[in-house]
PDB file of N, CA and C in Angstrom:
ATOM      1  N   MET A   1      72.477  90.894  99.800  1.00  0.00           N
ATOM      2  CA  MET A   1      73.666  91.572  99.379  1.00  0.00           C
ATOM      3  C   MET A   1      73.801  92.865 100.189  1.00  0.00           C
ATOM      4  N   TYR A   2      75.043  93.210 100.460  1.00  0.00           N
ATOM      5  CA  TYR A   2      75.343  94.434 101.200  1.00  0.00           C
ATOM      6  C   TYR A   2      76.212  95.337 100.336  1.00  0.00           C
ATOM      7  N   ARG A   3      75.942  96.622 100.434  1.00  0.00           N
ATOM      8  CA  ARG A   3      76.736  97.610  99.706  1.00  0.00           C
ATOM      9  C   ARG A   3      77.260  98.645 100.691  1.00  0.00           C
ATOM     10  N   VAL A   4      78.477  99.079 100.441  1.00  0.00           N
ATOM     11  CA  VAL A   4      79.021 100.230 101.145  1.00  0.00           C
ATOM     12  C   VAL A   4      79.272 101.280 100.079  1.00  0.00           C
ATOM     13  N   MET A   5      78.709 102.458 100.299  1.00  0.00           N
ATOM     14  CA  MET A   5      78.820 103.536  99.326  1.00  0.00           C
ATOM     15  C   MET A   5      79.545 104.717  99.950  1.00  0.00           C
ATOM     16  N   LEU A   6      80.519 105.209  99.245  1.00  0.00           N
ATOM     17  CA  LEU A   6      81.324 106.345  99.677  1.00  0.00           C
ATOM     18  C   LEU A   6      81.134 107.454  98.656  1.00  0.00           C
ATOM     19  N   GLN A   7      80.668 108.601  99.116  1.00  0.00           N
ATOM     20  CA  GLN A   7      80.509 109.764  98.247  1.00  0.00           C
ATOM     21  C   GLN A   7      81.394 110.870  98.797  1.00  0.00           C
ATOM     22  N   PHE A   8      82.050 111.569  97.907  1.00  0.00           N
ATOM     23  CA  PHE A   8      82.969 112.611  98.327  1.00  0.00           C
ATOM     24  C   PHE A   8      82.267 113.929  98.616  1.00  0.00           C
ATOM     25  N   GLU A   9      80.976 113.994  98.281  1.00  0.00           N
ATOM     26  CA  GLU A   9      80.105 115.097  98.670  1.00  0.00           C
ATOM     27  C   GLU A   9      78.673 114.592  98.546  1.00  0.00           C
ATOM     28  N   GLU A  10      77.769 115.171  99.313  1.00  0.00           N
ATOM     29  CA  GLU A  10      76.360 114.779  99.298  1.00  0.00           C
ATOM     30  C   GLU A  10      75.840 114.781  97.863  1.00  0.00           C
ATOM     31  N   SER A  11      75.232 113.689  97.437  1.00  0.00           N
ATOM     32  CA  SER A  11      74.670 113.522  96.090  1.00  0.00           C
ATOM     33  C   SER A  11      75.720 113.611  94.983  1.00  0.00           C
ATOM     34  N   GLY A  12      76.978 113.469  95.340  1.00  0.00           N
ATOM     35  CA  GLY A  12      78.046 113.547  94.347  1.00  0.00           C
ATOM     36  C   GLY A  12      78.520 112.185  93.899  1.00  0.00           C
ATOM     37  N   PRO A  13      79.591 112.161  93.096  1.00  0.00           N
ATOM     38  CA  PRO A  13      80.145 110.896  92.620  1.00  0.00           C
ATOM     39  C   PRO A  13      80.708 110.090  93.782  1.00  0.00           C
ATOM     40  N   GLY A  14      80.818 108.812  93.564  1.00  0.00           N
ATOM     41  CA  GLY A  14      81.325 107.996  94.650  1.00  0.00           C
ATOM     42  C   GLY A  14      81.805 106.638  94.198  1.00  0.00           C
ATOM     43  N   VAL A  15      82.043 105.798  95.185  1.00  0.00           N
ATOM     44  CA  VAL A  15      82.552 104.448  94.993  1.00  0.00           C
ATOM     45  C   VAL A  15      81.625 103.503  95.746  1.00  0.00           C
ATOM     46  N   THR A  16      81.339 102.344  95.153  1.00  0.00           N
ATOM     47  CA  THR A  16      80.479 101.356  95.792  1.00  0.00           C
ATOM     48  C   THR A  16      81.175 100.001  95.791  1.00  0.00           C
ATOM     49  N   GLY A  17      81.103  99.312  96.918  1.00  0.00           N
ATOM     50  CA  GLY A  17      81.581  97.934  97.013  1.00  0.00           C
ATOM     51  C   GLY A  17      80.412  97.053  97.398  1.00  0.00           C
ATOM     52  N   GLU A  18      80.395  95.806  96.936  1.00  0.00           N
ATOM     53  CA  GLU A  18      79.316  94.865  97.225  1.00  0.00           C
ATOM     54  C   GLU A  18      79.868  93.592  97.842  1.00  0.00           C
ATOM     55  N   TRP A  19      79.151  93.094  98.860  1.00  0.00           N
ATOM     56  CA  TRP A  19      79.548  91.866  99.543  1.00  0.00           C
ATOM     57  C   TRP A  19      78.327  91.034  99.888  1.00  0.00           C
ATOM     58  N   ALA A  20      78.505  89.731  99.888  1.00  0.00           N
ATOM     59  CA  ALA A  20      77.454  88.829 100.354  1.00  0.00           C
ATOM     60  C   ALA A  20      77.430  88.795 101.878  1.00  0.00           C
ATOM     61  N   SER A  21      78.575  89.036 102.491  1.00  0.00           N
ATOM     62  CA  SER A  21      78.715  88.967 103.945  1.00  0.00           C
ATOM     63  C   SER A  21      78.469  90.329 104.589  1.00  0.00           C
ATOM     64  N   GLY A  22      77.507  90.366 105.511  1.00  0.00           N
ATOM     65  CA  GLY A  22      77.256  91.592 106.258  1.00  0.00           C
ATOM     66  C   GLY A  22      78.439  91.987 107.119  1.00  0.00           C
ATOM     67  N   ALA A  23      79.147  90.995 107.666  1.00  0.00           N
ATOM     68  CA  ALA A  23      80.308  91.287 108.517  1.00  0.00           C
ATOM     69  C   ALA A  23      81.409  91.980 107.709  1.00  0.00           C
ATOM     70  N   THR A  24      81.648  91.514 106.491  1.00  0.00           N
ATOM     71  CA  THR A  24      82.666  92.129 105.634  1.00  0.00           C
ATOM     72  C   THR A  24      82.252  93.545 105.256  1.00  0.00           C
ATOM     73  N   ALA A  25      80.989  93.739 104.921  1.00  0.00           N
ATOM     74  CA  ALA A  25      80.504  95.071 104.557  1.00  0.00           C
ATOM     75  C   ALA A  25      80.606  96.035 105.738  1.00  0.00           C
ATOM     76  N   ARG A  26      80.252  95.576 106.941  1.00  0.00           N
ATOM     77  CA  ARG A  26      80.340  96.439 108.134  1.00  0.00           C
ATOM     78  C   ARG A  26      81.791  96.826 108.429  1.00  0.00           C
ATOM     79  N   LYS A  27      82.697  95.872 108.257  1.00  0.00           N
ATOM     80  CA  LYS A  27      84.124  96.155 108.478  1.00  0.00           C
ATOM     81  C   LYS A  27      84.612  97.202 107.474  1.00  0.00           C
ATOM     82  N   THR A  28      84.225  97.046 106.222  1.00  0.00           N
ATOM     83  CA  THR A  28      84.611  98.006 105.188  1.00  0.00           C
ATOM     84  C   THR A  28      84.016  99.380 105.476  1.00  0.00           C
ATOM     85  N   TYR A  29      82.771  99.426 105.894  1.00  0.00           N
ATOM     86  CA  TYR A  29      82.111 100.683 106.261  1.00  0.00           C
ATOM     87  C   TYR A  29      82.938 101.427 107.313  1.00  0.00           C
ATOM     88  N   ARG A  30      83.321 100.719 108.365  1.00  0.00           N
ATOM     89  CA  ARG A  30      84.133 101.341 109.433  1.00  0.00           C
ATOM     90  C   ARG A  30      85.498 101.791 108.909  1.00  0.00           C
ATOM     91  N   GLU A  31      86.109 100.962 108.063  1.00  0.00           N
ATOM     92  CA  GLU A  31      87.421 101.322 107.507  1.00  0.00           C
ATOM     93  C   GLU A  31      87.329 102.568 106.637  1.00  0.00           C
ATOM     94  N   TRP A  32      86.285 102.653 105.817  1.00  0.00           N
ATOM     95  CA  TRP A  32      86.149 103.811 104.938  1.00  0.00           C
ATOM     96  C   TRP A  32      85.902 105.088 105.732  1.00  0.00           C
ATOM     97  N   ILE A  33      85.193 104.990 106.835  1.00  0.00           N
ATOM     98  CA  ILE A  33      85.015 106.167 107.692  1.00  0.00           C
ATOM     99  C   ILE A  33      86.379 106.625 108.191  1.00  0.00           C
ATOM    100  N   GLY A  34      87.187 105.684 108.671  1.00  0.00           N
ATOM    101  CA  GLY A  34      88.514 106.024 109.170  1.00  0.00           C
ATOM    102  C   GLY A  34      89.442 106.577 108.104  1.00  0.00           C
ATOM    103  N   LEU A  35      89.370 106.022 106.905  1.00  0.00           N
ATOM    104  CA  LEU A  35      90.268 106.446 105.826  1.00  0.00           C
ATOM    105  C   LEU A  35      89.854 107.762 105.176  1.00  0.00           C
ATOM    106  N   TYR A  36      88.565 107.961 105.001  1.00  0.00           N
ATOM    107  CA  TYR A  36      88.097 109.105 104.207  1.00  0.00           C
ATOM    108  C   TYR A  36      87.276 110.121 104.990  1.00  0.00           C
ATOM    109  N   ALA A  37      86.279 109.656 105.693  1.00  0.00           N
ATOM    110  CA  ALA A  37      85.320 110.569 106.317  1.00  0.00           C
ATOM    111  C   ALA A  37      85.925 111.347 107.476  1.00  0.00           C
ATOM    112  N   ALA A  38      86.835 110.746 108.197  1.00  0.00           N
ATOM    113  CA  ALA A  38      87.447 111.435 109.334  1.00  0.00           C
ATOM    114  C   ALA A  38      88.316 112.610 108.878  1.00  0.00           C
ATOM    115  N   LYS A  39      88.707 112.610 107.603  1.00  0.00           N
ATOM    116  CA  LYS A  39      89.610 113.639 107.081  1.00  0.00           C
ATOM    117  C   LYS A  39      88.900 114.694 106.230  1.00  0.00           C
ATOM    118  N   ASP A  40      87.665 114.420 105.823  1.00  0.00           N
ATOM    119  CA  ASP A  40      86.959 115.326 104.917  1.00  0.00           C
ATOM    120  C   ASP A  40      85.504 115.432 105.339  1.00  0.00           C
ATOM    121  N   SER A  41      85.097 116.604 105.767  1.00  0.00           N
ATOM    122  CA  SER A  41      83.755 116.786 106.310  1.00  0.00           C
ATOM    123  C   SER A  41      82.650 116.650 105.264  1.00  0.00           C
ATOM    124  N   ALA A  42      82.975 116.634 103.981  1.00  0.00           N
ATOM    125  CA  ALA A  42      81.949 116.507 102.945  1.00  0.00           C
ATOM    126  C   ALA A  42      81.618 115.049 102.619  1.00  0.00           C
ATOM    127  N   VAL A  43      82.428 114.114 103.085  1.00  0.00           N
ATOM    128  CA  VAL A  43      82.264 112.698 102.747  1.00  0.00           C
ATOM    129  C   VAL A  43      81.025 112.103 103.418  1.00  0.00           C
ATOM    130  N   VAL A  44      80.329 111.248 102.660  1.00  0.00           N
ATOM    131  CA  VAL A  44      79.176 110.499 103.166  1.00  0.00           C
ATOM    132  C   VAL A  44      79.462 109.020 102.932  1.00  0.00           C
ATOM    133  N   VAL A  45      79.285 108.194 103.984  1.00  0.00           N
ATOM    134  CA  VAL A  45      79.490 106.749 103.864  1.00  0.00           C
ATOM    135  C   VAL A  45      78.193 106.074 104.294  1.00  0.00           C
ATOM    136  N   GLN A  46      77.718 105.125 103.476  1.00  0.00           N
ATOM    137  CA  GLN A  46      76.482 104.421 103.802  1.00  0.00           C
ATOM    138  C   GLN A  46      76.675 102.909 103.696  1.00  0.00           C
ATOM    139  N   LEU A  47      75.993 102.201 104.587  1.00  0.00           N
ATOM    140  CA  LEU A  47      75.917 100.743 104.543  1.00  0.00           C
ATOM    141  C   LEU A  47      74.476 100.403 104.198  1.00  0.00           C
ATOM    142  N   VAL A  48      74.285  99.689 103.084  1.00  0.00           N
ATOM    143  CA  VAL A  48      72.949  99.398 102.581  1.00  0.00           C
ATOM    144  C   VAL A  48      72.791  97.893 102.414  1.00  0.00           C
ATOM    145  N   GLU A  49      71.639  97.382 102.817  1.00  0.00           N
ATOM    146  CA  GLU A  49      71.301  95.975 102.608  1.00  0.00           C
ATOM    147  C   GLU A  49      70.249  95.909 101.505  1.00  0.00           C
ATOM    148  N   GLU A  50      70.440  94.991 100.563  1.00  0.00           N
ATOM    149  CA  GLU A  50      69.454  94.830  99.498  1.00  0.00           C
ATOM    150  C   GLU A  50      68.925  93.407  99.517  1.00  0.00           C
ATOM    151  N   THR A  51      67.605  93.287  99.625  1.00  0.00           N
ATOM    152  CA  THR A  51      66.941  91.989  99.623  1.00  0.00           C
ATOM    153  C   THR A  51      65.778  92.056  98.645  1.00  0.00           C
ATOM    154  N   ASP A  52      65.743  91.145  97.702  1.00  0.00           N
ATOM    155  CA  ASP A  52      64.667  91.092  96.703  1.00  0.00           C
ATOM    156  C   ASP A  52      64.454  92.440  96.007  1.00  0.00           C
ATOM    157  N   GLY A  53      65.546  93.126  95.704  1.00  0.00           N
ATOM    158  CA  GLY A  53      65.474  94.395  94.989  1.00  0.00           C
ATOM    159  C   GLY A  53      65.099  95.598  95.834  1.00  0.00           C
ATOM    160  N   VAL A  54      64.901  95.389  97.135  1.00  0.00           N
ATOM    161  CA  VAL A  54      64.551  96.483  98.044  1.00  0.00           C
ATOM    162  C   VAL A  54      65.786  96.861  98.847  1.00  0.00           C
ATOM    163  N   ARG A  55      66.153  98.146  98.779  1.00  0.00           N
ATOM    164  CA  ARG A  55      67.322  98.638  99.517  1.00  0.00           C
ATOM    165  C   ARG A  55      66.902  99.262 100.838  1.00  0.00           C
ATOM    166  N   ARG A  56      67.678  98.955 101.869  1.00  0.00           N
ATOM    167  CA  ARG A  56      67.448  99.518 103.200  1.00  0.00           C
ATOM    168  C   ARG A  56      68.779 100.047 103.722  1.00  0.00           C
ATOM    169  N   THR A  57      68.834 101.336 104.043  1.00  0.00           N
ATOM    170  CA  THR A  57      70.053 101.917 104.598  1.00  0.00           C
ATOM    171  C   THR A  57      70.147 101.514 106.059  1.00  0.00           C
ATOM    172  N   LEU A  58      71.224 100.796 106.402  1.00  0.00           N
ATOM    173  CA  LEU A  58      71.437 100.340 107.774  1.00  0.00           C
ATOM    174  C   LEU A  58      72.201 101.376 108.595  1.00  0.00           C
ATOM    175  N   ARG A  59      73.178 102.022 107.962  1.00  0.00           N
ATOM    176  CA  ARG A  59      74.000 103.028 108.638  1.00  0.00           C
ATOM    177  C   ARG A  59      74.375 104.120 107.645  1.00  0.00           C
ATOM    178  N   ARG A  60      74.444 105.333 108.146  1.00  0.00           N
ATOM    179  CA  ARG A  60      74.845 106.467 107.300  1.00  0.00           C
ATOM    180  C   ARG A  60      75.699 107.394 108.146  1.00  0.00           C
ATOM    181  N   TRP A  61      76.906 107.679 107.671  1.00  0.00           N
ATOM    182  CA  TRP A  61      77.826 108.541 108.406  1.00  0.00           C
ATOM    183  C   TRP A  61      78.079 109.810 107.617  1.00  0.00           C
ATOM    184  N   THR A  62      77.933 110.949 108.308  1.00  0.00           N
ATOM    185  CA  THR A  62      78.318 112.248 107.751  1.00  0.00           C
ATOM    186  C   THR A  62      79.095 112.976 108.838  1.00  0.00           C
ATOM    187  N   ALA A  63      79.579 114.144 108.532  1.00  0.00           N
ATOM    188  CA  ALA A  63      80.317 114.933 109.519  1.00  0.00           C
ATOM    189  C   ALA A  63      79.437 115.281 110.724  1.00  0.00           C
ATOM    190  N   GLN A  64      78.115 115.270 110.533  1.00  0.00           N
ATOM    191  CA  GLN A  64      77.201 115.576 111.640  1.00  0.00           C
ATOM    192  C   GLN A  64      76.975 114.376 112.561  1.00  0.00           C
ATOM    193  N   GLY A  65      77.465 113.212 112.165  1.00  0.00           N
ATOM    194  CA  GLY A  65      77.334 112.032 113.004  1.00  0.00           C
ATOM    195  C   GLY A  65      76.776 110.843 112.233  1.00  0.00           C
ATOM    196  N   GLU A  66      76.525 109.777 112.946  1.00  0.00           N
ATOM    197  CA  GLU A  66      76.054 108.542 112.338  1.00  0.00           C
ATOM    198  C   GLU A  66      74.586 108.325 112.668  1.00  0.00           C
ATOM    199  N   VAL A  67      73.836 107.858 111.662  1.00  0.00           N
ATOM    200  CA  VAL A  67      72.448 107.451 111.852  1.00  0.00           C
ATOM    201  C   VAL A  67      72.410 105.943 111.663  1.00  0.00           C
ATOM    202  N   VAL A  68      71.836 105.245 112.648  1.00  0.00           N
ATOM    203  CA  VAL A  68      71.763 103.793 112.611  1.00  0.00           C
ATOM    204  C   VAL A  68      70.285 103.398 112.570  1.00  0.00           C
ATOM    205  N   ALA A  69      69.926 102.537 111.621  1.00  0.00           N
ATOM    206  CA  ALA A  69      68.531 102.088 111.474  1.00  0.00           C
ATOM    207  C   ALA A  69      68.112 101.251 112.665  1.00  0.00           C
ATOM    208  N   ALA A  70      66.836 101.327 112.985  1.00  0.00           N
ATOM    209  CA  ALA A  70      66.272 100.507 114.059  1.00  0.00           C
ATOM    210  C   ALA A  70      66.530  99.040 113.751  1.00  0.00           C
ATOM    211  N   GLY A  71      66.985  98.303 114.738  1.00  0.00           N
ATOM    212  CA  GLY A  71      67.250  96.888 114.574  1.00  0.00           C
ATOM    213  C   GLY A  71      68.652  96.558 114.100  1.00  0.00           C
ATOM    214  N   GLU A  72      69.409  97.561 113.674  1.00  0.00           N
ATOM    215  CA  GLU A  72      70.792  97.342 113.235  1.00  0.00           C
ATOM    216  C   GLU A  72      71.668  97.149 114.461  1.00  0.00           C
ATOM    217  N   LEU A  73      72.685  96.326 114.323  1.00  0.00           N
ATOM    218  CA  LEU A  73      73.623  96.067 115.414  1.00  0.00           C
ATOM    219  C   LEU A  73      74.237  97.351 115.918  1.00  0.00           C
ATOM    220  N   ALA A  74      74.488  97.439 117.205  1.00  0.00           N
ATOM    221  CA  ALA A  74      75.066  98.642 117.809  1.00  0.00           C
ATOM    222  C   ALA A  74      76.499  98.901 117.359  1.00  0.00           C
ATOM    223  N   ASN A  75      77.222  97.883 116.954  1.00  0.00           N
ATOM    224  CA  ASN A  75      78.618  98.071 116.519  1.00  0.00           C
ATOM    225  C   ASN A  75      78.671  98.414 115.092  1.00  0.00           C
TER     226      ASN A  75
END
């Protein structure tokens, strides 16, 4: 399962979407950056993969830039 999490400030309230498809989650992650993060420097967007109850952050975007986990696709 993949989750995209949008927080309006670090450690603040947010919105989460869940998808079985990594491609759909990645597309949503990029869309949310364009819709929200590009306009508000406090926004944090994360793409998380969960397997067997273990969460792994694949991508994290903040105003300081994007962090991409080792092994994650370049796009």
